[in-house]
Amino acid sequence: MKTYEMAVVTQVLTIQANTQEEAEAKYDAYFNEDECPCNAEDCECVEDTEDCYHITTEKGEESND
């Protein structure tokens, strides 16, 4: 029998950035409620949406030994 892991996702952030490092800085600022590194007055770099879906990952097979 195989083992599966299902991660339930209920919040998705869409981040506008030029690099992964910039996206991570904006992510950190968003969750720490700090000012976005873009310094725009009406910043729209991070879009927070709520949805519910799952991601299934196969973890392997159980041994029958």
PDB file of N, CA and C in Angstrom:
ATOM      1  N   MET A   1       0.846  -1.171   0.000  1.00  0.00           N
ATOM      2  CA  MET A   1       0.000   0.000   0.000  1.00  0.00           C
ATOM      3  C   MET A   1       0.899   1.245   0.000  1.00  0.00           C
ATOM      4  N   LYS A   2       0.492   2.263  -0.704  1.00  0.00           N
ATOM      5  CA  LYS A   2       1.254   3.502  -0.788  1.00  0.00           C
ATOM      6  C   LYS A   2       0.808   4.484   0.288  1.00  0.00           C
ATOM      7  N   THR A   3       1.687   5.423   0.595  1.00  0.00           N
ATOM      8  CA  THR A   3       1.371   6.487   1.542  1.00  0.00           C
ATOM      9  C   THR A   3       1.278   7.799   0.778  1.00  0.00           C
ATOM     10  N   TYR A   4       0.237   8.574   1.069  1.00  0.00           N
ATOM     11  CA  TYR A   4       0.031   9.863   0.412  1.00  0.00           C
ATOM     12  C   TYR A   4      -0.077  10.954   1.467  1.00  0.00           C
ATOM     13  N   GLU A   5       0.455  12.100   1.150  1.00  0.00           N
ATOM     14  CA  GLU A   5       0.328  13.272   2.014  1.00  0.00           C
ATOM     15  C   GLU A   5      -0.542  14.286   1.284  1.00  0.00           C
ATOM     16  N   MET A   6      -1.540  14.836   1.977  1.00  0.00           N
ATOM     17  CA  MET A   6      -2.408  15.856   1.386  1.00  0.00           C
ATOM     18  C   MET A   6      -2.277  17.127   2.200  1.00  0.00           C
ATOM     19  N   ALA A   7      -1.769  18.168   1.568  1.00  0.00           N
ATOM     20  CA  ALA A   7      -1.645  19.474   2.203  1.00  0.00           C
ATOM     21  C   ALA A   7      -2.855  20.302   1.809  1.00  0.00           C
ATOM     22  N   VAL A   8      -3.577  20.795   2.790  1.00  0.00           N
ATOM     23  CA  VAL A   8      -4.758  21.622   2.533  1.00  0.00           C
ATOM     24  C   VAL A   8      -4.318  23.077   2.524  1.00  0.00           C
ATOM     25  N   VAL A   9      -4.594  23.762   1.430  1.00  0.00           N
ATOM     26  CA  VAL A   9      -4.199  25.155   1.256  1.00  0.00           C
ATOM     27  C   VAL A   9      -5.452  26.020   1.322  1.00  0.00           C
ATOM     28  N   THR A  10      -5.433  27.020   2.196  1.00  0.00           N
ATOM     29  CA  THR A  10      -6.597  27.886   2.322  1.00  0.00           C
ATOM     30  C   THR A  10      -6.268  29.347   2.064  1.00  0.00           C
ATOM     31  N   GLN A  11      -4.991  29.677   1.940  1.00  0.00           N
ATOM     32  CA  GLN A  11      -4.597  31.057   1.663  1.00  0.00           C
ATOM     33  C   GLN A  11      -3.514  31.045   0.595  1.00  0.00           C
ATOM     34  N   VAL A  12      -3.697  31.876  -0.417  1.00  0.00           N
ATOM     35  CA  VAL A  12      -2.724  31.969  -1.500  1.00  0.00           C
ATOM     36  C   VAL A  12      -2.306  33.423  -1.634  1.00  0.00           C
ATOM     37  N   LEU A  13      -0.995  33.657  -1.636  1.00  0.00           N
ATOM     38  CA  LEU A  13      -0.460  35.004  -1.857  1.00  0.00           C
ATOM     39  C   LEU A  13       0.132  35.058  -3.253  1.00  0.00           C
ATOM     40  N   THR A  14      -0.255  36.053  -4.014  1.00  0.00           N
ATOM     41  CA  THR A  14       0.340  36.308  -5.321  1.00  0.00           C
ATOM     42  C   THR A  14       1.190  37.563  -5.150  1.00  0.00           C
ATOM     43  N   ILE A  15       2.489  37.431  -5.388  1.00  0.00           N
ATOM     44  CA  ILE A  15       3.434  38.515  -5.123  1.00  0.00           C
ATOM     45  C   ILE A  15       4.086  38.963  -6.421  1.00  0.00           C
ATOM     46  N   GLN A  16       4.022  40.264  -6.687  1.00  0.00           N
ATOM     47  CA  GLN A  16       4.665  40.849  -7.859  1.00  0.00           C
ATOM     48  C   GLN A  16       6.102  41.229  -7.470  1.00  0.00           C
ATOM     49  N   ALA A  17       7.084  40.631  -8.144  1.00  0.00           N
ATOM     50  CA  ALA A  17       8.488  40.904  -7.834  1.00  0.00           C
ATOM     51  C   ALA A  17       9.358  40.549  -9.035  1.00  0.00           C
ATOM     52  N   ASN A  18      10.564  41.107  -9.047  1.00  0.00           N
ATOM     53  CA  ASN A  18      11.503  40.828 -10.137  1.00  0.00           C
ATOM     54  C   ASN A  18      12.379  39.610  -9.869  1.00  0.00           C
ATOM     55  N   THR A  19      12.582  39.267  -8.590  1.00  0.00           N
ATOM     56  CA  THR A  19      13.416  38.124  -8.230  1.00  0.00           C
ATOM     57  C   THR A  19      12.775  37.377  -7.069  1.00  0.00           C
ATOM     58  N   GLN A  20      13.238  36.178  -6.824  1.00  0.00           N
ATOM     59  CA  GLN A  20      12.735  35.406  -5.693  1.00  0.00           C
ATOM     60  C   GLN A  20      13.095  36.096  -4.373  1.00  0.00           C
ATOM     61  N   GLU A  21      14.282  36.680  -4.304  1.00  0.00           N
ATOM     62  CA  GLU A  21      14.709  37.387  -3.093  1.00  0.00           C
ATOM     63  C   GLU A  21      13.780  38.570  -2.793  1.00  0.00           C
ATOM     64  N   GLU A  22      13.414  39.302  -3.843  1.00  0.00           N
ATOM     65  CA  GLU A  22      12.496  40.433  -3.682  1.00  0.00           C
ATOM     66  C   GLU A  22      11.118  39.933  -3.232  1.00  0.00           C
ATOM     67  N   ALA A  23      10.659  38.837  -3.803  1.00  0.00           N
ATOM     68  CA  ALA A  23       9.364  38.270  -3.415  1.00  0.00           C
ATOM     69  C   ALA A  23       9.387  37.846  -1.952  1.00  0.00           C
ATOM     70  N   GLU A  24      10.493  37.254  -1.503  1.00  0.00           N
ATOM     71  CA  GLU A  24      10.603  36.841  -0.103  1.00  0.00           C
ATOM     72  C   GLU A  24      10.620  38.042   0.830  1.00  0.00           C
ATOM     73  N   ALA A  25      11.264  39.127   0.420  1.00  0.00           N
ATOM     74  CA  ALA A  25      11.278  40.353   1.235  1.00  0.00           C
ATOM     75  C   ALA A  25       9.868  40.936   1.345  1.00  0.00           C
ATOM     76  N   LYS A  26       9.122  40.896   0.257  1.00  0.00           N
ATOM     77  CA  LYS A  26       7.746  41.404   0.269  1.00  0.00           C
ATOM     78  C   LYS A  26       6.845  40.494   1.105  1.00  0.00           C
ATOM     79  N   TYR A  27       7.080  39.207   1.023  1.00  0.00           N
ATOM     80  CA  TYR A  27       6.355  38.228   1.842  1.00  0.00           C
ATOM     81  C   TYR A  27       6.595  38.503   3.327  1.00  0.00           C
ATOM     82  N   ASP A  28       7.864  38.676   3.703  1.00  0.00           N
ATOM     83  CA  ASP A  28       8.209  38.962   5.101  1.00  0.00           C
ATOM     84  C   ASP A  28       7.552  40.253   5.572  1.00  0.00           C
ATOM     85  N   ALA A  29       7.602  41.288   4.750  1.00  0.00           N
ATOM     86  CA  ALA A  29       6.995  42.572   5.109  1.00  0.00           C
ATOM     87  C   ALA A  29       5.486  42.420   5.274  1.00  0.00           C
ATOM     88  N   TYR A  30       4.860  41.648   4.397  1.00  0.00           N
ATOM     89  CA  TYR A  30       3.414  41.439   4.462  1.00  0.00           C
ATOM     90  C   TYR A  30       3.022  40.797   5.795  1.00  0.00           C
ATOM     91  N   PHE A  31       3.712  39.726   6.180  1.00  0.00           N
ATOM     92  CA  PHE A  31       3.342  39.015   7.400  1.00  0.00           C
ATOM     93  C   PHE A  31       3.775  39.739   8.671  1.00  0.00           C
ATOM     94  N   ASN A  32       4.798  40.569   8.579  1.00  0.00           N
ATOM     95  CA  ASN A  32       5.234  41.349   9.747  1.00  0.00           C
ATOM     96  C   ASN A  32       4.517  42.691   9.831  1.00  0.00           C
ATOM     97  N   GLU A  33       3.605  42.922   8.882  1.00  0.00           N
ATOM     98  CA  GLU A  33       2.849  44.174   8.789  1.00  0.00           C
ATOM     99  C   GLU A  33       3.771  45.387   8.696  1.00  0.00           C
ATOM    100  N   ASP A  34       4.890  45.203   8.000  1.00  0.00           N
ATOM    101  CA  ASP A  34       5.833  46.284   7.732  1.00  0.00           C
ATOM    102  C   ASP A  34       5.516  46.900   6.372  1.00  0.00           C
ATOM    103  N   GLU A  35       6.184  48.004   6.063  1.00  0.00           N
ATOM    104  CA  GLU A  35       6.016  48.645   4.759  1.00  0.00           C
ATOM    105  C   GLU A  35       6.675  47.788   3.684  1.00  0.00           C
ATOM    106  N   CYS A  36       6.009  47.674   2.556  1.00  0.00           N
ATOM    107  CA  CYS A  36       6.545  46.906   1.433  1.00  0.00           C
ATOM    108  C   CYS A  36       7.834  47.544   0.944  1.00  0.00           C
ATOM    109  N   PRO A  37       8.819  46.734   0.569  1.00  0.00           N
ATOM    110  CA  PRO A  37      10.080  47.274   0.053  1.00  0.00           C
ATOM    111  C   PRO A  37       9.943  48.140  -1.198  1.00  0.00           C
ATOM    112  N   CYS A  38       8.799  48.075  -1.903  1.00  0.00           N
ATOM    113  CA  CYS A  38       8.620  48.892  -3.106  1.00  0.00           C
ATOM    114  C   CYS A  38       8.395  50.361  -2.746  1.00  0.00           C
ATOM    115  N   ASN A  39       7.992  50.626  -1.488  1.00  0.00           N
ATOM    116  CA  ASN A  39       7.752  51.977  -0.970  1.00  0.00           C
ATOM    117  C   ASN A  39       6.661  52.750  -1.705  1.00  0.00           C
ATOM    118  N   ALA A  40       5.821  52.070  -2.463  1.00  0.00           N
ATOM    119  CA  ALA A  40       4.710  52.752  -3.152  1.00  0.00           C
ATOM    120  C   ALA A  40       3.617  53.085  -2.138  1.00  0.00           C
ATOM    121  N   GLU A  41       2.964  54.217  -2.354  1.00  0.00           N
ATOM    122  CA  GLU A  41       1.911  54.634  -1.433  1.00  0.00           C
ATOM    123  C   GLU A  41       0.720  53.678  -1.452  1.00  0.00           C
ATOM    124  N   ASP A  42       0.267  53.309  -2.628  1.00  0.00           N
ATOM    125  CA  ASP A  42      -0.846  52.367  -2.772  1.00  0.00           C
ATOM    126  C   ASP A  42      -0.320  51.042  -3.310  1.00  0.00           C
ATOM    127  N   CYS A  43       0.519  50.413  -2.522  1.00  0.00           N
ATOM    128  CA  CYS A  43       1.181  49.173  -2.934  1.00  0.00           C
ATOM    129  C   CYS A  43       0.166  48.064  -3.194  1.00  0.00           C
ATOM    130  N   GLU A  44       0.339  47.403  -4.327  1.00  0.00           N
ATOM    131  CA  GLU A  44      -0.492  46.251  -4.671  1.00  0.00           C
ATOM    132  C   GLU A  44       0.392  45.059  -5.031  1.00  0.00           C
ATOM    133  N   CYS A  45       1.560  44.991  -4.396  1.00  0.00           N
ATOM    134  CA  CYS A  45       2.516  43.924  -4.702  1.00  0.00           C
ATOM    135  C   CYS A  45       2.047  42.552  -4.229  1.00  0.00           C
ATOM    136  N   VAL A  46       1.298  42.527  -3.120  1.00  0.00           N
ATOM    137  CA  VAL A  46       0.856  41.258  -2.555  1.00  0.00           C
ATOM    138  C   VAL A  46      -0.662  41.187  -2.597  1.00  0.00           C
ATOM    139  N   GLU A  47      -1.163  40.157  -3.272  1.00  0.00           N
ATOM    140  CA  GLU A  47      -2.601  39.919  -3.325  1.00  0.00           C
ATOM    141  C   GLU A  47      -2.901  38.677  -2.503  1.00  0.00           C
ATOM    142  N   ASP A  48      -3.759  38.833  -1.530  1.00  0.00           N
ATOM    143  CA  ASP A  48      -4.117  37.753  -0.620  1.00  0.00           C
ATOM    144  C   ASP A  48      -5.481  37.220  -1.016  1.00  0.00           C
ATOM    145  N   THR A  49      -5.545  35.951  -1.381  1.00  0.00           N
ATOM    146  CA  THR A  49      -6.827  35.349  -1.735  1.00  0.00           C
ATOM    147  C   THR A  49      -7.057  34.117  -0.876  1.00  0.00           C
ATOM    148  N   GLU A  50      -8.303  33.870  -0.577  1.00  0.00           N
ATOM    149  CA  GLU A  50      -8.656  32.679   0.174  1.00  0.00           C
ATOM    150  C   GLU A  50      -9.353  31.716  -0.762  1.00  0.00           C
ATOM    151  N   ASP A  51      -8.874  30.527  -0.754  1.00  0.00           N
ATOM    152  CA  ASP A  51      -9.416  29.463  -1.570  1.00  0.00           C
ATOM    153  C   ASP A  51      -9.155  28.187  -0.783  1.00  0.00           C
ATOM    154  N   CYS A  52      -9.726  27.111  -1.166  1.00  0.00           N
ATOM    155  CA  CYS A  52      -9.464  25.861  -0.471  1.00  0.00           C
ATOM    156  C   CYS A  52      -9.248  24.770  -1.499  1.00  0.00           C
ATOM    157  N   TYR A  53      -8.059  24.217  -1.501  1.00  0.00           N
ATOM    158  CA  TYR A  53      -7.756  23.091  -2.355  1.00  0.00           C
ATOM    159  C   TYR A  53      -6.665  22.271  -1.684  1.00  0.00           C
ATOM    160  N   HIS A  54      -6.342  21.146  -2.237  1.00  0.00           N
ATOM    161  CA  HIS A  54      -5.300  20.325  -1.633  1.00  0.00           C
ATOM    162  C   HIS A  54      -4.263  19.926  -2.668  1.00  0.00           C
ATOM    163  N   ILE A  55      -3.084  19.663  -2.166  1.00  0.00           N
ATOM    164  CA  ILE A  55      -1.974  19.192  -2.985  1.00  0.00           C
ATOM    165  C   ILE A  55      -1.633  17.793  -2.473  1.00  0.00           C
ATOM    166  N   THR A  56      -1.702  16.814  -3.355  1.00  0.00           N
ATOM    167  CA  THR A  56      -1.420  15.436  -2.969  1.00  0.00           C
ATOM    168  C   THR A  56      -0.028  15.042  -3.437  1.00  0.00           C
ATOM    169  N   THR A  57       0.745  14.465  -2.526  1.00  0.00           N
ATOM    170  CA  THR A  57       2.097  14.013  -2.830  1.00  0.00           C
ATOM    171  C   THR A  57       2.239  12.556  -2.429  1.00  0.00           C
ATOM    172  N   GLU A  58       2.739  11.730  -3.341  1.00  0.00           N
ATOM    173  CA  GLU A  58       2.985  10.332  -3.016  1.00  0.00           C
ATOM    174  C   GLU A  58       4.280  10.252  -2.215  1.00  0.00           C
ATOM    175  N   LYS A  59       4.230   9.579  -1.083  1.00  0.00           N
ATOM    176  CA  LYS A  59       5.397   9.487  -0.196  1.00  0.00           C
ATOM    177  C   LYS A  59       6.123   8.156  -0.315  1.00  0.00           C
ATOM    178  N   GLY A  60       5.600   7.200  -1.021  1.00  0.00           N
ATOM    179  CA  GLY A  60       6.296   5.929  -1.193  1.00  0.00           C
ATOM    180  C   GLY A  60       5.401   4.747  -0.901  1.00  0.00           C
ATOM    181  N   GLU A  61       5.997   3.568  -0.983  1.00  0.00           N
ATOM    182  CA  GLU A  61       5.244   2.348  -0.743  1.00  0.00           C
ATOM    183  C   GLU A  61       5.660   1.733   0.578  1.00  0.00           C
ATOM    184  N   GLU A  62       4.693   1.133   1.260  1.00  0.00           N
ATOM    185  CA  GLU A  62       4.933   0.449   2.510  1.00  0.00           C
ATOM    186  C   GLU A  62       5.516  -0.925   2.194  1.00  0.00           C
ATOM    187  N   SER A  63       6.509  -1.328   2.937  1.00  0.00           N
ATOM    188  CA  SER A  63       7.140  -2.620   2.728  1.00  0.00           C
ATOM    189  C   SER A  63       6.258  -3.729   3.281  1.00  0.00           C
ATOM    190  N   ASN A  64       6.203  -4.839   2.586  1.00  0.00           N
ATOM    191  CA  ASN A  64       5.432  -6.004   3.036  1.00  0.00           C
ATOM    192  C   ASN A  64       6.328  -7.098   3.587  1.00  0.00           C
ATOM    193  N   ASP A  65       7.527  -6.726   4.054  1.00  0.00           N
ATOM    194  CA  ASP A  65       8.486  -7.721   4.571  1.00  0.00           C
ATOM    195  C   ASP A  65       8.106  -8.247   5.917  1.00  0.00           C
TER     196      ASP A  65
END
